[in-house]
Each structure stands twice: as structure tokens, then as C-alpha cells.
Amino acid sequence: MRPIEHYEALLSTRRRVLEWVRGLTSEEFLREFPFGHKSVRATLAHLAGVEWFYGRAVRGEVIDPENTAFNPENYPDLDSLEKDWKRVECSTRAWLEADQDFGRRLERTTTTPEGKRLRIVYSPEKVAFQMFYHEVHHRSQVMAMLKLMGHSVGNVDFSRQVYEWIELE
């Protein structure tokens, strides 16, 4: 599978999870839990922000750690967050469809909060798969939050998104 196909499967599942989230009250959307990014809102904003960040990193853009996108406080509801996230999806899709060399070596230098300088070496393929697996991890946290609030969630198994399922008589 090409990375764009993985992304399409991820988006299909993301849409299902967002539909479950759409049914939350404002209080539930903001309710805090003792794991993950603490709330559905913060976890989803984190995922959107990471996708925004990774897209810029793979394109070699300068990223100001003080000026990152998707601060949860800017999103009082799912609709406002989803609107901005869809713009990032368009950018991600364009990158994944256009990139012809997913194995090329990329690197950047950064400074940790403690002041330590680091060189990070990666490839577009590694960025794509990190982004996909990262979302699966946090999507599971959102699903756990939904279940703890008494909401039912369905099956989002990868095979359901990418295998062909044919009903037999």
C-alpha cells in the first residue's frame, strides 16, 4: 500500500470517530480524564496539531515551537476544530499524493526545552507512518473516553477499512 492509501483508511476511521464525538454535549467534549491529553477536545486538537506539524516538517518548513496550530482553547466545539483540521487534511493529502521519494533522507536541528541541541534524521515515509500510528494511539484514547461517558462506539479495525468484504449467500 502506498502512504496515501493508509491515509485514506485513517480518514475513513477518523470520520466515524468524529461522528461519535459529534453526539457529545459541550460538557462531555471538555470533560477531563486522568489519561492522554485529558479531554476529547484536547486529544483531537493534539492530533490535528501533530498532523499540521508533520506536514510542515516533511516539506522542510521552519516551525516556530511557540506558534503552533491547534491550541485546544481555540476550539469550543467539534465543528470549529473540524473546519481547521479539514484544511490540514487537504495539505496532507496533497503531500502524500505528490511525494515521489518517500525514502529520501531529511534532517533538522532543534533545541529541547532544557536547551540541548539535537539533530533529527528521518524520511517522508517515517513521518507518514509516525503520523498514522500516532493517530491510532490517541484515537483509542478518545474511544475510551467515549465509553467511560457511557457512549457506544463501533469497530474501527483496520481490516474493515481496507479489505474487501463480500457477503456470500
N, C-alpha and C. Protein backbone atom coordinates (compact mmCIF):
# COMPACT_ATOMS: atom_id res chain seq x y z
N MET A 1 0.84 -1.19 0.00
CA MET A 1 0.00 0.00 0.00
C MET A 1 0.87 1.25 0.00
N ARG A 2 0.46 2.21 -0.75
CA ARG A 2 1.14 3.49 -0.75
C ARG A 2 0.67 4.30 0.46
N PRO A 3 1.48 5.22 0.95
CA PRO A 3 1.07 6.00 2.12
C PRO A 3 -0.28 6.71 1.96
N ILE A 4 -0.61 7.17 0.77
CA ILE A 4 -1.90 7.83 0.60
C ILE A 4 -3.05 6.87 0.88
N GLU A 5 -2.87 5.59 0.56
CA GLU A 5 -3.92 4.60 0.84
C GLU A 5 -4.08 4.40 2.35
N HIS A 6 -2.97 4.40 3.07
CA HIS A 6 -3.04 4.32 4.54
C HIS A 6 -3.79 5.53 5.09
N TYR A 7 -3.46 6.70 4.53
CA TYR A 7 -4.10 7.92 5.00
C TYR A 7 -5.61 7.89 4.74
N GLU A 8 -6.01 7.41 3.59
CA GLU A 8 -7.45 7.33 3.27
C GLU A 8 -8.16 6.40 4.26
N ALA A 9 -7.52 5.29 4.63
CA ALA A 9 -8.10 4.39 5.63
C ALA A 9 -8.19 5.10 6.98
N LEU A 10 -7.16 5.84 7.32
CA LEU A 10 -7.16 6.60 8.57
C LEU A 10 -8.29 7.63 8.57
N LEU A 11 -8.47 8.33 7.46
CA LEU A 11 -9.54 9.34 7.37
C LEU A 11 -10.91 8.71 7.49
N SER A 12 -11.09 7.54 6.90
CA SER A 12 -12.37 6.85 6.99
C SER A 12 -12.71 6.56 8.45
N THR A 13 -11.73 6.08 9.18
CA THR A 13 -11.93 5.78 10.60
C THR A 13 -12.10 7.08 11.39
N ARG A 14 -11.31 8.09 11.06
CA ARG A 14 -11.42 9.39 11.74
C ARG A 14 -12.84 9.91 11.62
N ARG A 15 -13.43 9.80 10.44
CA ARG A 15 -14.80 10.29 10.23
C ARG A 15 -15.79 9.58 11.15
N ARG A 16 -15.61 8.27 11.31
CA ARG A 16 -16.51 7.52 12.20
C ARG A 16 -16.38 7.99 13.64
N VAL A 17 -15.14 8.16 14.09
CA VAL A 17 -14.92 8.61 15.47
C VAL A 17 -15.48 10.02 15.67
N LEU A 18 -15.27 10.90 14.70
CA LEU A 18 -15.79 12.26 14.83
C LEU A 18 -17.32 12.28 14.86
N GLU A 19 -17.95 11.35 14.18
CA GLU A 19 -19.41 11.26 14.25
C GLU A 19 -19.85 10.88 15.66
N TRP A 20 -19.12 9.98 16.30
CA TRP A 20 -19.45 9.62 17.69
C TRP A 20 -19.24 10.83 18.60
N VAL A 21 -18.16 11.56 18.36
CA VAL A 21 -17.86 12.75 19.17
C VAL A 21 -18.93 13.82 18.96
N ARG A 22 -19.44 13.93 17.75
CA ARG A 22 -20.45 14.94 17.44
C ARG A 22 -21.67 14.82 18.36
N GLY A 23 -21.93 13.65 18.87
CA GLY A 23 -23.07 13.44 19.76
C GLY A 23 -22.83 13.88 21.20
N LEU A 24 -21.64 14.35 21.51
CA LEU A 24 -21.34 14.75 22.89
C LEU A 24 -21.94 16.11 23.22
N THR A 25 -22.26 16.28 24.48
CA THR A 25 -22.63 17.62 24.95
C THR A 25 -21.34 18.43 25.10
N SER A 26 -21.48 19.71 25.26
CA SER A 26 -20.31 20.57 25.46
C SER A 26 -19.53 20.14 26.69
N GLU A 27 -20.24 19.78 27.74
CA GLU A 27 -19.58 19.34 28.98
C GLU A 27 -18.79 18.06 28.75
N GLU A 28 -19.35 17.14 27.99
CA GLU A 28 -18.65 15.89 27.71
C GLU A 28 -17.43 16.13 26.83
N PHE A 29 -17.55 17.02 25.86
CA PHE A 29 -16.44 17.34 24.96
C PHE A 29 -15.24 17.87 25.75
N LEU A 30 -15.52 18.56 26.84
CA LEU A 30 -14.47 19.18 27.67
C LEU A 30 -14.12 18.37 28.92
N ARG A 31 -14.89 17.34 29.22
CA ARG A 31 -14.68 16.55 30.45
C ARG A 31 -13.25 16.02 30.53
N GLU A 32 -12.67 16.12 31.70
CA GLU A 32 -11.28 15.67 31.88
C GLU A 32 -11.22 14.25 32.41
N PHE A 33 -10.20 13.55 31.92
CA PHE A 33 -9.92 12.17 32.30
C PHE A 33 -8.47 12.10 32.78
N PRO A 34 -8.11 11.09 33.54
CA PRO A 34 -6.74 11.00 34.08
C PRO A 34 -5.75 10.32 33.13
N PHE A 35 -5.96 10.44 31.82
CA PHE A 35 -5.03 9.85 30.87
C PHE A 35 -5.03 10.67 29.58
N GLY A 36 -4.04 10.38 28.76
CA GLY A 36 -3.95 11.05 27.47
C GLY A 36 -3.82 12.55 27.60
N HIS A 37 -4.49 13.24 26.74
CA HIS A 37 -4.47 14.71 26.76
C HIS A 37 -5.62 15.26 27.59
N LYS A 38 -6.20 14.42 28.40
CA LYS A 38 -7.20 14.75 29.42
C LYS A 38 -8.64 14.88 28.94
N SER A 39 -8.88 15.40 27.72
CA SER A 39 -10.25 15.55 27.25
C SER A 39 -10.33 15.17 25.77
N VAL A 40 -11.55 14.96 25.31
CA VAL A 40 -11.76 14.67 23.89
C VAL A 40 -11.27 15.87 23.08
N ARG A 41 -11.65 17.07 23.49
CA ARG A 41 -11.23 18.26 22.75
C ARG A 41 -9.72 18.36 22.66
N ALA A 42 -9.03 18.24 23.78
CA ALA A 42 -7.57 18.39 23.78
C ALA A 42 -6.89 17.28 22.97
N THR A 43 -7.43 16.07 23.04
CA THR A 43 -6.83 14.97 22.29
C THR A 43 -7.00 15.18 20.79
N LEU A 44 -8.18 15.58 20.36
CA LEU A 44 -8.40 15.82 18.93
C LEU A 44 -7.59 17.02 18.44
N ALA A 45 -7.52 18.07 19.24
CA ALA A 45 -6.70 19.23 18.86
C ALA A 45 -5.24 18.83 18.75
N HIS A 46 -4.79 17.97 19.65
CA HIS A 46 -3.42 17.47 19.59
C HIS A 46 -3.18 16.72 18.27
N LEU A 47 -4.11 15.85 17.90
CA LEU A 47 -3.95 15.09 16.65
C LEU A 47 -3.89 16.02 15.44
N ALA A 48 -4.77 16.99 15.39
CA ALA A 48 -4.77 17.94 14.28
C ALA A 48 -3.47 18.74 14.25
N GLY A 49 -3.00 19.15 15.43
CA GLY A 49 -1.77 19.91 15.51
C GLY A 49 -0.55 19.10 15.09
N VAL A 50 -0.53 17.85 15.45
CA VAL A 50 0.59 16.99 15.06
C VAL A 50 0.59 16.78 13.54
N GLU A 51 -0.59 16.58 12.97
CA GLU A 51 -0.66 16.43 11.51
C GLU A 51 -0.17 17.72 10.83
N TRP A 52 -0.57 18.86 11.35
CA TRP A 52 -0.10 20.16 10.84
C TRP A 52 1.42 20.26 10.94
N PHE A 53 1.96 19.88 12.10
CA PHE A 53 3.40 19.94 12.35
C PHE A 53 4.17 19.02 11.41
N TYR A 54 3.74 17.76 11.31
CA TYR A 54 4.45 16.79 10.48
C TYR A 54 4.44 17.19 9.01
N GLY A 55 3.34 17.76 8.53
CA GLY A 55 3.28 18.21 7.15
C GLY A 55 4.32 19.29 6.88
N ARG A 56 4.49 20.18 7.82
CA ARG A 56 5.49 21.23 7.65
C ARG A 56 6.91 20.66 7.76
N ALA A 57 7.09 19.75 8.66
CA ALA A 57 8.43 19.15 8.84
C ALA A 57 8.89 18.44 7.58
N VAL A 58 8.00 17.68 6.96
CA VAL A 58 8.39 16.90 5.78
C VAL A 58 8.64 17.81 4.57
N ARG A 59 8.01 18.98 4.57
CA ARG A 59 8.25 19.95 3.49
C ARG A 59 9.44 20.85 3.78
N GLY A 60 10.08 20.65 4.94
CA GLY A 60 11.26 21.42 5.28
C GLY A 60 10.97 22.84 5.73
N GLU A 61 9.74 23.10 6.12
CA GLU A 61 9.38 24.45 6.56
C GLU A 61 9.90 24.70 7.97
N VAL A 62 10.19 25.94 8.24
CA VAL A 62 10.63 26.34 9.58
C VAL A 62 9.40 26.32 10.48
N ILE A 63 9.57 25.71 11.63
CA ILE A 63 8.46 25.59 12.58
C ILE A 63 8.84 26.31 13.86
N ASP A 64 8.06 27.29 14.24
CA ASP A 64 8.27 28.02 15.47
C ASP A 64 7.51 27.30 16.58
N PRO A 65 8.21 26.69 17.53
CA PRO A 65 7.52 25.92 18.58
C PRO A 65 6.57 26.79 19.42
N GLU A 66 6.78 28.09 19.41
CA GLU A 66 5.90 28.98 20.17
C GLU A 66 4.64 29.33 19.39
N ASN A 67 4.61 29.01 18.10
CA ASN A 67 3.49 29.41 17.26
C ASN A 67 2.92 28.20 16.52
N THR A 68 2.55 27.19 17.27
CA THR A 68 1.99 26.00 16.64
C THR A 68 0.47 26.13 16.53
N ALA A 69 -0.09 25.38 15.64
CA ALA A 69 -1.53 25.42 15.42
C ALA A 69 -2.26 24.52 16.42
N PHE A 70 -3.54 24.72 16.51
CA PHE A 70 -4.45 23.84 17.23
C PHE A 70 -4.30 23.84 18.74
N ASN A 71 -4.28 25.01 19.31
CA ASN A 71 -4.39 25.15 20.76
C ASN A 71 -5.83 24.78 21.13
N PRO A 72 -6.03 23.81 22.03
CA PRO A 72 -7.40 23.38 22.35
C PRO A 72 -8.31 24.53 22.80
N GLU A 73 -7.74 25.52 23.45
CA GLU A 73 -8.55 26.64 23.94
C GLU A 73 -9.23 27.41 22.81
N ASN A 74 -8.70 27.28 21.60
CA ASN A 74 -9.29 27.98 20.45
C ASN A 74 -10.49 27.25 19.85
N TYR A 75 -10.81 26.08 20.40
CA TYR A 75 -11.86 25.26 19.82
C TYR A 75 -12.93 24.92 20.86
N PRO A 76 -13.98 25.73 20.92
CA PRO A 76 -15.03 25.46 21.91
C PRO A 76 -15.90 24.26 21.56
N ASP A 77 -15.86 23.83 20.29
CA ASP A 77 -16.70 22.72 19.87
C ASP A 77 -16.03 21.96 18.73
N LEU A 78 -16.59 20.82 18.41
CA LEU A 78 -16.03 19.98 17.36
C LEU A 78 -16.07 20.65 16.00
N ASP A 79 -17.16 21.36 15.69
CA ASP A 79 -17.28 21.97 14.36
C ASP A 79 -16.13 22.93 14.07
N SER A 80 -15.76 23.75 15.05
CA SER A 80 -14.68 24.71 14.83
C SER A 80 -13.34 24.00 14.62
N LEU A 81 -13.10 22.95 15.39
CA LEU A 81 -11.88 22.17 15.25
C LEU A 81 -11.85 21.43 13.91
N GLU A 82 -12.96 20.81 13.58
CA GLU A 82 -13.02 20.02 12.36
C GLU A 82 -12.81 20.89 11.11
N LYS A 83 -13.33 22.10 11.12
CA LYS A 83 -13.17 23.01 9.98
C LYS A 83 -11.69 23.28 9.70
N ASP A 84 -10.93 23.58 10.74
CA ASP A 84 -9.49 23.83 10.57
C ASP A 84 -8.74 22.55 10.23
N TRP A 85 -9.14 21.44 10.83
CA TRP A 85 -8.47 20.16 10.57
C TRP A 85 -8.65 19.73 9.12
N LYS A 86 -9.80 20.01 8.53
CA LYS A 86 -10.03 19.63 7.13
C LYS A 86 -9.06 20.35 6.20
N ARG A 87 -8.69 21.58 6.54
CA ARG A 87 -7.69 22.29 5.72
C ARG A 87 -6.34 21.58 5.80
N VAL A 88 -6.01 21.09 6.99
CA VAL A 88 -4.76 20.35 7.15
C VAL A 88 -4.83 19.04 6.37
N GLU A 89 -5.98 18.38 6.39
CA GLU A 89 -6.16 17.14 5.63
C GLU A 89 -5.87 17.37 4.14
N CYS A 90 -6.35 18.48 3.60
CA CYS A 90 -6.10 18.78 2.18
C CYS A 90 -4.61 18.90 1.91
N SER A 91 -3.91 19.54 2.82
CA SER A 91 -2.46 19.70 2.68
C SER A 91 -1.75 18.36 2.81
N THR A 92 -2.18 17.55 3.77
CA THR A 92 -1.57 16.23 3.96
C THR A 92 -1.80 15.35 2.74
N ARG A 93 -3.02 15.36 2.24
CA ARG A 93 -3.34 14.55 1.07
C ARG A 93 -2.49 14.99 -0.13
N ALA A 94 -2.34 16.29 -0.32
CA ALA A 94 -1.53 16.80 -1.44
C ALA A 94 -0.09 16.31 -1.32
N TRP A 95 0.46 16.36 -0.11
CA TRP A 95 1.83 15.87 0.11
C TRP A 95 1.93 14.39 -0.21
N LEU A 96 1.03 13.59 0.34
CA LEU A 96 1.11 12.13 0.17
C LEU A 96 0.90 11.71 -1.28
N GLU A 97 0.08 12.44 -2.01
CA GLU A 97 -0.15 12.12 -3.42
C GLU A 97 1.00 12.55 -4.31
N ALA A 98 1.68 13.63 -3.94
CA ALA A 98 2.71 14.21 -4.81
C ALA A 98 4.12 13.68 -4.54
N ASP A 99 4.38 13.25 -3.33
CA ASP A 99 5.75 12.86 -2.97
C ASP A 99 6.19 11.66 -3.80
N GLN A 100 7.31 11.79 -4.48
CA GLN A 100 7.82 10.73 -5.34
C GLN A 100 8.98 9.95 -4.71
N ASP A 101 9.49 10.44 -3.58
CA ASP A 101 10.64 9.78 -2.96
C ASP A 101 10.45 9.74 -1.45
N PHE A 102 9.65 8.77 -1.02
CA PHE A 102 9.34 8.65 0.40
C PHE A 102 10.54 8.19 1.23
N GLY A 103 11.56 7.69 0.58
CA GLY A 103 12.73 7.20 1.30
C GLY A 103 13.84 8.23 1.47
N ARG A 104 13.68 9.42 0.92
CA ARG A 104 14.78 10.39 0.97
C ARG A 104 15.08 10.81 2.40
N ARG A 105 16.35 11.09 2.62
CA ARG A 105 16.82 11.48 3.95
C ARG A 105 16.52 12.96 4.19
N LEU A 106 15.90 13.23 5.31
CA LEU A 106 15.64 14.59 5.75
C LEU A 106 16.26 14.75 7.14
N GLU A 107 16.60 15.96 7.46
CA GLU A 107 17.08 16.20 8.83
C GLU A 107 16.80 17.64 9.22
N ARG A 108 16.70 17.83 10.50
CA ARG A 108 16.52 19.17 11.05
C ARG A 108 17.20 19.22 12.41
N THR A 109 17.52 20.42 12.81
CA THR A 109 18.14 20.63 14.11
C THR A 109 17.12 21.33 14.99
N THR A 110 17.05 20.91 16.23
CA THR A 110 16.11 21.51 17.16
C THR A 110 16.77 21.65 18.53
N THR A 111 16.14 22.38 19.39
CA THR A 111 16.61 22.55 20.76
C THR A 111 15.52 22.10 21.71
N THR A 112 15.88 21.26 22.66
CA THR A 112 14.91 20.77 23.64
C THR A 112 14.58 21.90 24.62
N PRO A 113 13.50 21.76 25.37
CA PRO A 113 13.18 22.77 26.38
C PRO A 113 14.31 22.98 27.40
N GLU A 114 15.14 21.95 27.59
CA GLU A 114 16.27 22.05 28.52
C GLU A 114 17.49 22.70 27.89
N GLY A 115 17.39 23.05 26.60
CA GLY A 115 18.49 23.72 25.92
C GLY A 115 19.44 22.80 25.18
N LYS A 116 19.17 21.52 25.16
CA LYS A 116 20.02 20.56 24.46
C LYS A 116 19.71 20.61 22.96
N ARG A 117 20.74 20.68 22.12
CA ARG A 117 20.55 20.70 20.67
C ARG A 117 20.57 19.28 20.13
N LEU A 118 19.67 19.01 19.21
CA LEU A 118 19.53 17.68 18.62
C LEU A 118 19.43 17.78 17.11
N ARG A 119 19.98 16.81 16.43
CA ARG A 119 19.76 16.63 15.00
C ARG A 119 18.80 15.45 14.87
N ILE A 120 17.75 15.65 14.13
CA ILE A 120 16.76 14.60 13.91
C ILE A 120 16.83 14.20 12.45
N VAL A 121 17.03 12.91 12.20
CA VAL A 121 17.14 12.37 10.85
C VAL A 121 15.91 11.48 10.61
N TYR A 122 15.25 11.70 9.48
CA TYR A 122 14.01 10.99 9.19
C TYR A 122 13.78 10.97 7.69
N SER A 123 12.68 10.37 7.27
CA SER A 123 12.29 10.33 5.85
C SER A 123 10.80 10.65 5.78
N PRO A 124 10.30 11.04 4.63
CA PRO A 124 8.86 11.27 4.50
C PRO A 124 8.04 10.03 4.87
N GLU A 125 8.55 8.85 4.52
CA GLU A 125 7.83 7.62 4.86
C GLU A 125 7.72 7.46 6.38
N LYS A 126 8.82 7.70 7.09
CA LYS A 126 8.79 7.57 8.55
C LYS A 126 7.86 8.61 9.17
N VAL A 127 7.83 9.80 8.61
CA VAL A 127 6.92 10.84 9.12
C VAL A 127 5.47 10.38 8.91
N ALA A 128 5.17 9.89 7.71
CA ALA A 128 3.81 9.45 7.42
C ALA A 128 3.37 8.35 8.37
N PHE A 129 4.20 7.34 8.55
CA PHE A 129 3.79 6.23 9.41
C PHE A 129 3.74 6.62 10.88
N GLN A 130 4.62 7.50 11.31
CA GLN A 130 4.53 8.01 12.68
C GLN A 130 3.19 8.73 12.86
N MET A 131 2.83 9.56 11.90
CA MET A 131 1.57 10.29 11.98
C MET A 131 0.38 9.33 12.03
N PHE A 132 0.40 8.28 11.21
CA PHE A 132 -0.72 7.34 11.19
C PHE A 132 -0.83 6.59 12.52
N TYR A 133 0.28 6.02 12.98
CA TYR A 133 0.25 5.23 14.21
C TYR A 133 -0.05 6.11 15.42
N HIS A 134 0.46 7.31 15.40
CA HIS A 134 0.19 8.26 16.48
C HIS A 134 -1.31 8.52 16.59
N GLU A 135 -1.95 8.71 15.44
CA GLU A 135 -3.40 8.94 15.49
C GLU A 135 -4.15 7.73 16.01
N VAL A 136 -3.74 6.53 15.61
CA VAL A 136 -4.41 5.32 16.10
C VAL A 136 -4.31 5.26 17.63
N HIS A 137 -3.15 5.57 18.16
CA HIS A 137 -2.94 5.56 19.61
C HIS A 137 -3.92 6.51 20.31
N HIS A 138 -3.96 7.75 19.85
CA HIS A 138 -4.83 8.73 20.51
C HIS A 138 -6.30 8.53 20.18
N ARG A 139 -6.60 7.98 19.01
CA ARG A 139 -7.98 7.66 18.68
C ARG A 139 -8.52 6.65 19.70
N SER A 140 -7.69 5.71 20.10
CA SER A 140 -8.11 4.74 21.11
C SER A 140 -8.41 5.42 22.43
N GLN A 141 -7.64 6.44 22.76
CA GLN A 141 -7.92 7.19 24.00
C GLN A 141 -9.27 7.90 23.91
N VAL A 142 -9.56 8.51 22.76
CA VAL A 142 -10.85 9.17 22.58
C VAL A 142 -11.98 8.14 22.72
N MET A 143 -11.79 6.98 22.11
CA MET A 143 -12.82 5.94 22.19
C MET A 143 -13.01 5.48 23.64
N ALA A 144 -11.92 5.39 24.41
CA ALA A 144 -12.04 5.02 25.82
C ALA A 144 -12.80 6.10 26.58
N MET A 145 -12.52 7.36 26.29
CA MET A 145 -13.25 8.46 26.95
C MET A 145 -14.74 8.38 26.64
N LEU A 146 -15.06 8.12 25.38
CA LEU A 146 -16.47 7.99 24.99
C LEU A 146 -17.14 6.86 25.76
N LYS A 147 -16.46 5.71 25.84
CA LYS A 147 -17.03 4.57 26.56
C LYS A 147 -17.22 4.88 28.03
N LEU A 148 -16.25 5.57 28.64
CA LEU A 148 -16.35 5.92 30.06
C LEU A 148 -17.50 6.89 30.33
N MET A 149 -17.90 7.63 29.31
CA MET A 149 -19.05 8.54 29.45
C MET A 149 -20.37 7.84 29.11
N GLY A 150 -20.29 6.54 28.79
CA GLY A 150 -21.50 5.78 28.51
C GLY A 150 -21.94 5.78 27.06
N HIS A 151 -21.10 6.25 26.15
CA HIS A 151 -21.45 6.25 24.73
C HIS A 151 -20.95 4.97 24.07
N SER A 152 -21.72 4.45 23.14
CA SER A 152 -21.28 3.25 22.44
C SER A 152 -20.45 3.66 21.23
N VAL A 153 -19.44 2.87 20.97
CA VAL A 153 -18.60 3.07 19.79
C VAL A 153 -18.53 1.75 19.05
N GLY A 154 -18.28 1.83 17.77
CA GLY A 154 -18.25 0.63 16.95
C GLY A 154 -16.84 0.15 16.68
N ASN A 155 -16.74 -0.71 15.70
CA ASN A 155 -15.49 -1.33 15.31
C ASN A 155 -14.76 -0.42 14.31
N VAL A 156 -13.53 -0.10 14.62
CA VAL A 156 -12.72 0.70 13.69
C VAL A 156 -11.46 -0.06 13.28
N ASP A 157 -11.56 -1.38 13.26
CA ASP A 157 -10.44 -2.22 12.89
C ASP A 157 -9.97 -1.89 11.47
N PHE A 158 -8.66 -1.84 11.29
CA PHE A 158 -8.05 -1.50 10.01
C PHE A 158 -8.56 -2.39 8.88
N SER A 159 -8.72 -3.67 9.17
CA SER A 159 -9.15 -4.59 8.11
C SER A 159 -10.53 -4.22 7.57
N ARG A 160 -11.36 -3.64 8.41
CA ARG A 160 -12.70 -3.23 7.97
C ARG A 160 -12.62 -2.06 6.98
N GLN A 161 -11.54 -1.31 7.05
CA GLN A 161 -11.38 -0.15 6.17
C GLN A 161 -10.73 -0.51 4.83
N VAL A 162 -9.85 -1.50 4.82
CA VAL A 162 -9.05 -1.73 3.62
C VAL A 162 -9.27 -3.08 2.94
N TYR A 163 -9.83 -4.06 3.64
CA TYR A 163 -10.10 -5.34 2.97
C TYR A 163 -11.43 -5.20 2.21
N GLU A 164 -11.56 -6.03 1.23
CA GLU A 164 -12.84 -6.10 0.53
C GLU A 164 -13.66 -7.19 1.21
N TRP A 165 -14.82 -6.84 1.71
CA TRP A 165 -15.68 -7.77 2.41
C TRP A 165 -16.88 -8.07 1.52
N ILE A 166 -17.02 -9.35 1.15
CA ILE A 166 -18.07 -9.75 0.22
C ILE A 166 -19.01 -10.73 0.92
N GLU A 167 -20.25 -10.36 1.00
CA GLU A 167 -21.23 -11.24 1.64
C GLU A 167 -21.57 -12.39 0.70
N LEU A 168 -21.53 -13.61 1.21
CA LEU A 168 -21.85 -14.81 0.43
C LEU A 168 -23.23 -15.30 0.77
N GLU A 169 -23.87 -15.88 -0.22
CA GLU A 169 -25.22 -16.44 0.02
C GLU A 169 -25.12 -17.85 0.55
